[in-house]
């Protein structure tokens, strides 16, 4: 269940991962948010997480448009694990 706040769609890491594609996991979304807090990381400030206290550990929400922008940035940069939908850099 996503939510809308001030015209922006938010979802949990799991919901965002489903919306962004089969090669995106909830752990990857959480990693982007962690990297977003690091001032030395190129993703700094790109995907803030919004934690709402509640039952258990509460819920952390991520803005879908920001996550999509980070996904595009990371898909275009070299390095890291191979991603589905990317042309292989190896020549045959």
PDB file of N, CA and C in Angstrom:
ATOM      1  N   UNK A   1       0.844  -1.173   0.000  1.00  0.00           N
ATOM      2  CA  UNK A   1       0.000   0.000   0.000  1.00  0.00           C
ATOM      3  C   UNK A   1       0.894   1.241   0.000  1.00  0.00           C
ATOM      4  N   UNK A   2       0.888   1.963  -1.076  1.00  0.00           N
ATOM      5  CA  UNK A   2       1.638   3.213  -1.117  1.00  0.00           C
ATOM      6  C   UNK A   2       0.766   4.324  -0.551  1.00  0.00           C
ATOM      7  N   UNK A   3       1.403   5.430  -0.193  1.00  0.00           N
ATOM      8  CA  UNK A   3       0.662   6.588   0.293  1.00  0.00           C
ATOM      9  C   UNK A   3       1.063   7.804  -0.535  1.00  0.00           C
ATOM     10  N   UNK A   4       0.198   8.783  -0.560  1.00  0.00           N
ATOM     11  CA  UNK A   4       0.472  10.034  -1.262  1.00  0.00           C
ATOM     12  C   UNK A   4       0.521  11.150  -0.237  1.00  0.00           C
ATOM     13  N   UNK A   5       1.573  11.978  -0.291  1.00  0.00           N
ATOM     14  CA  UNK A   5       1.715  13.131   0.592  1.00  0.00           C
ATOM     15  C   UNK A   5       2.133  14.314  -0.272  1.00  0.00           C
ATOM     16  N   UNK A   6       1.342  15.355  -0.249  1.00  0.00           N
ATOM     17  CA  UNK A   6       1.629  16.574  -1.020  1.00  0.00           C
ATOM     18  C   UNK A   6       1.950  16.271  -2.489  1.00  0.00           C
ATOM     19  N   UNK A   7       1.201  15.364  -3.086  1.00  0.00           N
ATOM     20  CA  UNK A   7       1.380  15.053  -4.498  1.00  0.00           C
ATOM     21  C   UNK A   7       2.516  14.108  -4.824  1.00  0.00           C
ATOM     22  N   UNK A   8       3.163  13.545  -3.813  1.00  0.00           N
ATOM     23  CA  UNK A   8       4.263  12.605  -4.022  1.00  0.00           C
ATOM     24  C   UNK A   8       3.871  11.238  -3.487  1.00  0.00           C
ATOM     25  N   UNK A   9       4.200  10.197  -4.261  1.00  0.00           N
ATOM     26  CA  UNK A   9       3.896   8.831  -3.862  1.00  0.00           C
ATOM     27  C   UNK A   9       5.051   8.262  -3.044  1.00  0.00           C
ATOM     28  N   UNK A  10       4.728   7.660  -1.908  1.00  0.00           N
ATOM     29  CA  UNK A  10       5.698   7.040  -1.020  1.00  0.00           C
ATOM     30  C   UNK A  10       5.361   5.572  -0.865  1.00  0.00           C
ATOM     31  N   UNK A  11       6.390   4.762  -0.662  1.00  0.00           N
ATOM     32  CA  UNK A  11       6.180   3.348  -0.407  1.00  0.00           C
ATOM     33  C   UNK A  11       7.276   2.821   0.506  1.00  0.00           C
ATOM     34  N   UNK A  12       7.062   1.634   1.031  1.00  0.00           N
ATOM     35  CA  UNK A  12       8.104   0.979   1.817  1.00  0.00           C
ATOM     36  C   UNK A  12       9.188   0.496   0.852  1.00  0.00           C
ATOM     37  N   UNK A  13      10.304   0.046   1.379  1.00  0.00           N
ATOM     38  CA  UNK A  13      11.388  -0.454   0.529  1.00  0.00           C
ATOM     39  C   UNK A  13      10.888  -1.583  -0.366  1.00  0.00           C
ATOM     40  N   UNK A  14      10.075  -2.443   0.168  1.00  0.00           N
ATOM     41  CA  UNK A  14       9.527  -3.559  -0.594  1.00  0.00           C
ATOM     42  C   UNK A  14       8.628  -3.067  -1.728  1.00  0.00           C
ATOM     43  N   UNK A  15       7.764  -2.118  -1.435  1.00  0.00           N
ATOM     44  CA  UNK A  15       6.851  -1.588  -2.449  1.00  0.00           C
ATOM     45  C   UNK A  15       7.605  -0.843  -3.552  1.00  0.00           C
ATOM     46  N   UNK A  16       8.602  -0.072  -3.160  1.00  0.00           N
ATOM     47  CA  UNK A  16       9.407   0.665  -4.133  1.00  0.00           C
ATOM     48  C   UNK A  16      10.154  -0.313  -5.032  1.00  0.00           C
ATOM     49  N   UNK A  17      10.718  -1.357  -4.443  1.00  0.00           N
ATOM     50  CA  UNK A  17      11.463  -2.350  -5.216  1.00  0.00           C
ATOM     51  C   UNK A  17      10.576  -2.998  -6.277  1.00  0.00           C
ATOM     52  N   UNK A  18       9.369  -3.348  -5.913  1.00  0.00           N
ATOM     53  CA  UNK A  18       8.437  -3.964  -6.861  1.00  0.00           C
ATOM     54  C   UNK A  18       8.146  -3.001  -8.016  1.00  0.00           C
ATOM     55  N   UNK A  19       7.972  -1.737  -7.708  1.00  0.00           N
ATOM     56  CA  UNK A  19       7.646  -0.749  -8.746  1.00  0.00           C
ATOM     57  C   UNK A  19       8.820  -0.472  -9.679  1.00  0.00           C
ATOM     58  N   UNK A  20      10.056  -0.625  -9.186  1.00  0.00           N
ATOM     59  CA  UNK A  20      11.225  -0.261  -9.991  1.00  0.00           C
ATOM     60  C   UNK A  20      11.750  -1.384 -10.875  1.00  0.00           C
ATOM     61  N   UNK A  21      11.344  -2.602 -10.643  1.00  0.00           N
ATOM     62  CA  UNK A  21      11.766  -3.677 -11.539  1.00  0.00           C
ATOM     63  C   UNK A  21      12.264  -4.897 -10.808  1.00  0.00           C
ATOM     64  N   UNK A  22      12.312  -5.992 -11.557  1.00  0.00           N
ATOM     65  CA  UNK A  22      12.625  -7.279 -10.935  1.00  0.00           C
ATOM     66  C   UNK A  22      14.047  -7.388 -10.422  1.00  0.00           C
ATOM     67  N   UNK A  23      14.974  -6.557 -10.905  1.00  0.00           N
ATOM     68  CA  UNK A  23      16.347  -6.651 -10.411  1.00  0.00           C
ATOM     69  C   UNK A  23      16.605  -5.697  -9.246  1.00  0.00           C
ATOM     70  N   UNK A  24      15.574  -5.025  -8.758  1.00  0.00           N
ATOM     71  CA  UNK A  24      15.704  -4.133  -7.607  1.00  0.00           C
ATOM     72  C   UNK A  24      15.112  -4.844  -6.394  1.00  0.00           C
ATOM     73  N   UNK A  25      15.871  -4.883  -5.316  1.00  0.00           N
ATOM     74  CA  UNK A  25      15.409  -5.521  -4.092  1.00  0.00           C
ATOM     75  C   UNK A  25      15.173  -4.463  -3.018  1.00  0.00           C
ATOM     76  N   UNK A  26      14.453  -4.848  -1.985  1.00  0.00           N
ATOM     77  CA  UNK A  26      14.228  -3.917  -0.881  1.00  0.00           C
ATOM     78  C   UNK A  26      15.550  -3.568  -0.199  1.00  0.00           C
ATOM     79  N   UNK A  27      16.485  -4.507  -0.158  1.00  0.00           N
ATOM     80  CA  UNK A  27      17.795  -4.206   0.423  1.00  0.00           C
ATOM     81  C   UNK A  27      18.541  -3.155  -0.396  1.00  0.00           C
ATOM     82  N   UNK A  28      18.379  -3.196  -1.714  1.00  0.00           N
ATOM     83  CA  UNK A  28      19.020  -2.203  -2.571  1.00  0.00           C
ATOM     84  C   UNK A  28      18.433  -0.822  -2.291  1.00  0.00           C
ATOM     85  N   UNK A  29      17.116  -0.729  -2.130  1.00  0.00           N
ATOM     86  CA  UNK A  29      16.464   0.553  -1.822  1.00  0.00           C
ATOM     87  C   UNK A  29      16.982   1.075  -0.485  1.00  0.00           C
ATOM     88  N   UNK A  30      17.078   0.208   0.507  1.00  0.00           N
ATOM     89  CA  UNK A  30      17.600   0.629   1.822  1.00  0.00           C
ATOM     90  C   UNK A  30      19.054   1.079   1.716  1.00  0.00           C
ATOM     91  N   UNK A  31      19.835   0.393   0.870  1.00  0.00           N
ATOM     92  CA  UNK A  31      21.229   0.773   0.672  1.00  0.00           C
ATOM     93  C   UNK A  31      21.327   2.160   0.033  1.00  0.00           C
ATOM     94  N   UNK A  32      20.486   2.434  -0.957  1.00  0.00           N
ATOM     95  CA  UNK A  32      20.480   3.769  -1.562  1.00  0.00           C
ATOM     96  C   UNK A  32      20.169   4.837  -0.516  1.00  0.00           C
ATOM     97  N   UNK A  33      19.207   4.558   0.373  1.00  0.00           N
ATOM     98  CA  UNK A  33      18.854   5.525   1.419  1.00  0.00           C
ATOM     99  C   UNK A  33      20.016   5.701   2.399  1.00  0.00           C
ATOM    100  N   UNK A  34      20.697   4.604   2.736  1.00  0.00           N
ATOM    101  CA  UNK A  34      21.867   4.695   3.614  1.00  0.00           C
ATOM    102  C   UNK A  34      22.939   5.547   2.955  1.00  0.00           C
ATOM    103  N   UNK A  35      23.213   5.286   1.686  1.00  0.00           N
ATOM    104  CA  UNK A  35      24.211   6.056   0.940  1.00  0.00           C
ATOM    105  C   UNK A  35      23.804   7.524   0.838  1.00  0.00           C
ATOM    106  N   UNK A  36      22.519   7.781   0.771  1.00  0.00           N
ATOM    107  CA  UNK A  36      22.014   9.148   0.666  1.00  0.00           C
ATOM    108  C   UNK A  36      22.358   9.983   1.898  1.00  0.00           C
ATOM    109  N   UNK A  37      22.560   9.326   3.037  1.00  0.00           N
ATOM    110  CA  UNK A  37      22.923  10.032   4.278  1.00  0.00           C
ATOM    111  C   UNK A  37      24.414  10.335   4.374  1.00  0.00           C
ATOM    112  N   UNK A  38      25.228   9.717   3.525  1.00  0.00           N
ATOM    113  CA  UNK A  38      26.682   9.863   3.572  1.00  0.00           C
ATOM    114  C   UNK A  38      27.103  11.052   2.705  1.00  0.00           C
ATOM    115  N   UNK A  39      27.664  12.082   3.323  1.00  0.00           N
ATOM    116  CA  UNK A  39      28.044  13.284   2.570  1.00  0.00           C
ATOM    117  C   UNK A  39      29.139  13.017   1.547  1.00  0.00           C
ATOM    118  N   UNK A  40      29.892  11.930   1.686  1.00  0.00           N
ATOM    119  CA  UNK A  40      30.976  11.618   0.752  1.00  0.00           C
ATOM    120  C   UNK A  40      30.500  10.760  -0.428  1.00  0.00           C
ATOM    121  N   UNK A  41      29.250  10.336  -0.413  1.00  0.00           N
ATOM    122  CA  UNK A  41      28.737   9.451  -1.466  1.00  0.00           C
ATOM    123  C   UNK A  41      28.081  10.275  -2.576  1.00  0.00           C
ATOM    124  N   UNK A  42      28.243   9.871  -3.827  1.00  0.00           N
ATOM    125  CA  UNK A  42      27.592  10.578  -4.931  1.00  0.00           C
ATOM    126  C   UNK A  42      26.055  10.614  -4.834  1.00  0.00           C
ATOM    127  N   UNK A  43      25.477   9.695  -4.070  1.00  0.00           N
ATOM    128  CA  UNK A  43      24.019   9.677  -3.900  1.00  0.00           C
ATOM    129  C   UNK A  43      23.549  10.545  -2.733  1.00  0.00           C
ATOM    130  N   UNK A  44      24.464  11.286  -2.117  1.00  0.00           N
ATOM    131  CA  UNK A  44      24.108  12.110  -0.946  1.00  0.00           C
ATOM    132  C   UNK A  44      22.885  12.980  -1.233  1.00  0.00           C
ATOM    133  N   UNK A  45      21.895  12.855  -0.362  1.00  0.00           N
ATOM    134  CA  UNK A  45      20.696  13.668  -0.446  1.00  0.00           C
ATOM    135  C   UNK A  45      19.681  13.235  -1.493  1.00  0.00           C
ATOM    136  N   UNK A  46      19.962  12.182  -2.232  1.00  0.00           N
ATOM    137  CA  UNK A  46      19.091  11.770  -3.334  1.00  0.00           C
ATOM    138  C   UNK A  46      17.867  10.969  -2.895  1.00  0.00           C
ATOM    139  N   UNK A  47      17.974  10.221  -1.793  1.00  0.00           N
ATOM    140  CA  UNK A  47      16.842   9.386  -1.359  1.00  0.00           C
ATOM    141  C   UNK A  47      16.712   9.406   0.162  1.00  0.00           C
ATOM    142  N   UNK A  48      16.159  10.482   0.700  1.00  0.00           N
ATOM    143  CA  UNK A  48      15.954  10.496   2.145  1.00  0.00           C
ATOM    144  C   UNK A  48      14.887   9.485   2.562  1.00  0.00           C
ATOM    145  N   UNK A  49      15.081   8.878   3.697  1.00  0.00           N
ATOM    146  CA  UNK A  49      14.108   7.943   4.258  1.00  0.00           C
ATOM    147  C   UNK A  49      13.306   8.690   5.319  1.00  0.00           C
ATOM    148  N   UNK A  50      12.019   8.397   5.386  1.00  0.00           N
ATOM    149  CA  UNK A  50      11.141   9.049   6.360  1.00  0.00           C
ATOM    150  C   UNK A  50      10.568   7.970   7.262  1.00  0.00           C
ATOM    151  N   UNK A  51      11.069   7.925   8.500  1.00  0.00           N
ATOM    152  CA  UNK A  51      10.650   6.884   9.438  1.00  0.00           C
ATOM    153  C   UNK A  51       9.485   7.385  10.284  1.00  0.00           C
ATOM    154  N   UNK A  52       8.455   6.568  10.376  1.00  0.00           N
ATOM    155  CA  UNK A  52       7.290   6.878  11.190  1.00  0.00           C
ATOM    156  C   UNK A  52       7.209   5.834  12.294  1.00  0.00           C
ATOM    157  N   UNK A  53       7.377   6.249  13.557  1.00  0.00           N
ATOM    158  CA  UNK A  53       7.293   5.285  14.659  1.00  0.00           C
ATOM    159  C   UNK A  53       5.908   4.641  14.701  1.00  0.00           C
ATOM    160  N   UNK A  54       5.883   3.407  15.137  1.00  0.00           N
ATOM    161  CA  UNK A  54       4.607   2.700  15.240  1.00  0.00           C
ATOM    162  C   UNK A  54       4.817   1.352  15.887  1.00  0.00           C
ATOM    163  N   UNK A  55       3.844   0.471  15.717  1.00  0.00           N
ATOM    164  CA  UNK A  55       3.959  -0.871  16.279  1.00  0.00           C
ATOM    165  C   UNK A  55       5.239  -1.518  15.807  1.00  0.00           C
ATOM    166  N   UNK A  56       5.860  -2.265  16.666  1.00  0.00           N
ATOM    167  CA  UNK A  56       7.129  -2.908  16.309  1.00  0.00           C
ATOM    168  C   UNK A  56       8.188  -1.843  16.102  1.00  0.00           C
ATOM    169  N   UNK A  57       8.795  -1.858  14.944  1.00  0.00           N
ATOM    170  CA  UNK A  57       9.853  -0.880  14.648  1.00  0.00           C
ATOM    171  C   UNK A  57       9.348   0.315  13.867  1.00  0.00           C
ATOM    172  N   UNK A  58       8.059   0.369  13.588  1.00  0.00           N
ATOM    173  CA  UNK A  58       7.514   1.466  12.800  1.00  0.00           C
ATOM    174  C   UNK A  58       7.675   1.173  11.313  1.00  0.00           C
ATOM    175  N   UNK A  59       7.499   2.214  10.494  1.00  0.00           N
ATOM    176  CA  UNK A  59       7.568   2.050   9.046  1.00  0.00           C
ATOM    177  C   UNK A  59       8.460   3.135   8.459  1.00  0.00           C
ATOM    178  N   UNK A  60       9.297   2.750   7.526  1.00  0.00           N
ATOM    179  CA  UNK A  60      10.126   3.713   6.815  1.00  0.00           C
ATOM    180  C   UNK A  60       9.601   3.836   5.403  1.00  0.00           C
ATOM    181  N   UNK A  61       9.393   5.085   4.988  1.00  0.00           N
ATOM    182  CA  UNK A  61       8.833   5.387   3.675  1.00  0.00           C
ATOM    183  C   UNK A  61       9.876   6.051   2.797  1.00  0.00           C
ATOM    184  N   UNK A  62       9.811   5.753   1.496  1.00  0.00           N
ATOM    185  CA  UNK A  62      10.726   6.311   0.501  1.00  0.00           C
ATOM    186  C   UNK A  62       9.881   6.899  -0.624  1.00  0.00           C
ATOM    187  N   UNK A  63      10.277   8.065  -1.116  1.00  0.00           N
ATOM    188  CA  UNK A  63       9.527   8.708  -2.186  1.00  0.00           C
ATOM    189  C   UNK A  63       9.849   8.018  -3.506  1.00  0.00           C
ATOM    190  N   UNK A  64       8.818   7.562  -4.200  1.00  0.00           N
ATOM    191  CA  UNK A  64       8.994   6.761  -5.404  1.00  0.00           C
ATOM    192  C   UNK A  64       9.747   7.507  -6.506  1.00  0.00           C
ATOM    193  N   UNK A  65       9.438   8.776  -6.736  1.00  0.00           N
ATOM    194  CA  UNK A  65      10.128   9.499  -7.804  1.00  0.00           C
ATOM    195  C   UNK A  65      11.609   9.669  -7.497  1.00  0.00           C
ATOM    196  N   UNK A  66      11.950   9.872  -6.229  1.00  0.00           N
ATOM    197  CA  UNK A  66      13.359   9.987  -5.854  1.00  0.00           C
ATOM    198  C   UNK A  66      14.071   8.646  -6.026  1.00  0.00           C
ATOM    199  N   UNK A  67      13.395   7.557  -5.641  1.00  0.00           N
ATOM    200  CA  UNK A  67      13.989   6.229  -5.807  1.00  0.00           C
ATOM    201  C   UNK A  67      14.194   5.916  -7.286  1.00  0.00           C
ATOM    202  N   UNK A  68      13.255   6.311  -8.133  1.00  0.00           N
ATOM    203  CA  UNK A  68      13.398   6.076  -9.565  1.00  0.00           C
ATOM    204  C   UNK A  68      14.583   6.859 -10.124  1.00  0.00           C
ATOM    205  N   UNK A  69      14.793   8.081  -9.639  1.00  0.00           N
ATOM    206  CA  UNK A  69      15.935   8.877 -10.091  1.00  0.00           C
ATOM    207  C   UNK A  69      17.256   8.232  -9.658  1.00  0.00           C
ATOM    208  N   UNK A  70      17.310   7.727  -8.433  1.00  0.00           N
ATOM    209  CA  UNK A  70      18.520   7.049  -7.948  1.00  0.00           C
ATOM    210  C   UNK A  70      18.754   5.772  -8.748  1.00  0.00           C
ATOM    211  N   UNK A  71      17.689   5.045  -9.041  1.00  0.00           N
ATOM    212  CA  UNK A  71      17.817   3.823  -9.832  1.00  0.00           C
ATOM    213  C   UNK A  71      18.422   4.150 -11.197  1.00  0.00           C
ATOM    214  N   UNK A  72      17.983   5.223 -11.821  1.00  0.00           N
ATOM    215  CA  UNK A  72      18.526   5.622 -13.122  1.00  0.00           C
ATOM    216  C   UNK A  72      20.000   6.005 -13.010  1.00  0.00           C
ATOM    217  N   UNK A  73      20.353   6.725 -11.950  1.00  0.00           N
ATOM    218  CA  UNK A  73      21.752   7.118 -11.730  1.00  0.00           C
ATOM    219  C   UNK A  73      22.623   5.879 -11.577  1.00  0.00           C
ATOM    220  N   UNK A  74      22.197   4.959 -10.724  1.00  0.00           N
ATOM    221  CA  UNK A  74      23.024   3.773 -10.456  1.00  0.00           C
ATOM    222  C   UNK A  74      23.069   2.828 -11.641  1.00  0.00           C
ATOM    223  N   UNK A  75      22.018   2.802 -12.444  1.00  0.00           N
ATOM    224  CA  UNK A  75      22.010   1.925 -13.618  1.00  0.00           C
ATOM    225  C   UNK A  75      23.024   2.407 -14.651  1.00  0.00           C
ATOM    226  N   UNK A  76      23.268   3.710 -14.709  1.00  0.00           N
ATOM    227  CA  UNK A  76      24.157   4.277 -15.719  1.00  0.00           C
ATOM    228  C   UNK A  76      25.622   4.316 -15.296  1.00  0.00           C
ATOM    229  N   UNK A  77      25.906   4.083 -14.015  1.00  0.00           N
ATOM    230  CA  UNK A  77      27.290   4.161 -13.560  1.00  0.00           C
ATOM    231  C   UNK A  77      27.958   2.796 -13.625  1.00  0.00           C
ATOM    232  N   UNK A  78      29.264   2.783 -13.946  1.00  0.00           N
ATOM    233  CA  UNK A  78      29.979   1.504 -14.006  1.00  0.00           C
ATOM    234  C   UNK A  78      30.246   0.953 -12.608  1.00  0.00           C
ATOM    235  N   UNK A  79      30.530  -0.327 -12.553  1.00  0.00           N
ATOM    236  CA  UNK A  79      30.859  -0.967 -11.277  1.00  0.00           C
ATOM    237  C   UNK A  79      29.630  -1.588 -10.651  1.00  0.00           C
ATOM    238  N   UNK A  80      29.858  -2.317  -9.599  1.00  0.00           N
ATOM    239  CA  UNK A  80      28.765  -2.973  -8.901  1.00  0.00           C
ATOM    240  C   UNK A  80      28.317  -4.228  -9.619  1.00  0.00           C
ATOM    241  N   UNK A  81      27.326  -4.895  -9.077  1.00  0.00           N
ATOM    242  CA  UNK A  81      26.860  -6.142  -9.675  1.00  0.00           C
ATOM    243  C   UNK A  81      26.142  -5.879 -10.988  1.00  0.00           C
ATOM    244  N   UNK A  82      26.142  -6.866 -11.901  1.00  0.00           N
ATOM    245  CA  UNK A  82      25.425  -6.703 -13.161  1.00  0.00           C
ATOM    246  C   UNK A  82      23.936  -6.508 -12.904  1.00  0.00           C
ATOM    247  N   UNK A  83      23.294  -5.748 -13.744  1.00  0.00           N
ATOM    248  CA  UNK A  83      21.873  -5.475 -13.585  1.00  0.00           C
ATOM    249  C   UNK A  83      21.108  -5.999 -14.798  1.00  0.00           C
ATOM    250  N   UNK A  84      19.944  -6.525 -14.598  1.00  0.00           N
ATOM    251  CA  UNK A  84      19.085  -6.968 -15.708  1.00  0.00           C
ATOM    252  C   UNK A  84      18.746  -5.746 -16.543  1.00  0.00           C
ATOM    253  N   UNK A  85      18.631  -5.948 -17.831  1.00  0.00           N
ATOM    254  CA  UNK A  85      18.277  -4.842 -18.702  1.00  0.00           C
ATOM    255  C   UNK A  85      19.453  -4.030 -19.174  1.00  0.00           C
ATOM    256  N   UNK A  86      20.662  -4.405 -18.761  1.00  0.00           N
ATOM    257  CA  UNK A  86      21.872  -3.689 -19.179  1.00  0.00           C
ATOM    258  C   UNK A  86      22.549  -4.506 -20.256  1.00  0.00           C
ATOM    259  N   UNK A  87      23.054  -3.817 -21.256  1.00  0.00           N
ATOM    260  CA  UNK A  87      23.839  -4.506 -22.283  1.00  0.00           C
ATOM    261  C   UNK A  87      25.155  -4.955 -21.665  1.00  0.00           C
ATOM    262  N   UNK A  88      25.556  -6.142 -21.981  1.00  0.00           N
ATOM    263  CA  UNK A  88      26.818  -6.658 -21.442  1.00  0.00           C
ATOM    264  C   UNK A  88      27.990  -5.906 -22.026  1.00  0.00           C
ATOM    265  N   UNK A  89      28.983  -5.602 -21.190  1.00  0.00           N
ATOM    266  CA  UNK A  89      30.160  -4.886 -21.666  1.00  0.00           C
ATOM    267  C   UNK A  89      31.198  -5.835 -22.254  1.00  0.00           C
ATOM    268  N   UNK A  90      30.965  -7.134 -22.096  1.00  0.00           N
ATOM    269  CA  UNK A  90      31.910  -8.123 -22.624  1.00  0.00           C
ATOM    270  C   UNK A  90      31.665  -8.301 -24.121  1.00  0.00           C
ATOM    271  N   UNK A  91      32.720  -8.384 -24.866  1.00  0.00           N
ATOM    272  CA  UNK A  91      32.617  -8.609 -26.317  1.00  0.00           C
ATOM    273  C   UNK A  91      32.634 -10.093 -26.596  1.00  0.00           C
ATOM    274  N   UNK A  92      31.875 -10.515 -27.618  1.00  0.00           N
ATOM    275  CA  UNK A  92      31.918 -11.931 -27.946  1.00  0.00           C
ATOM    276  C   UNK A  92      32.820 -12.196 -29.108  1.00  0.00           C
TER     277      UNK A  92
END
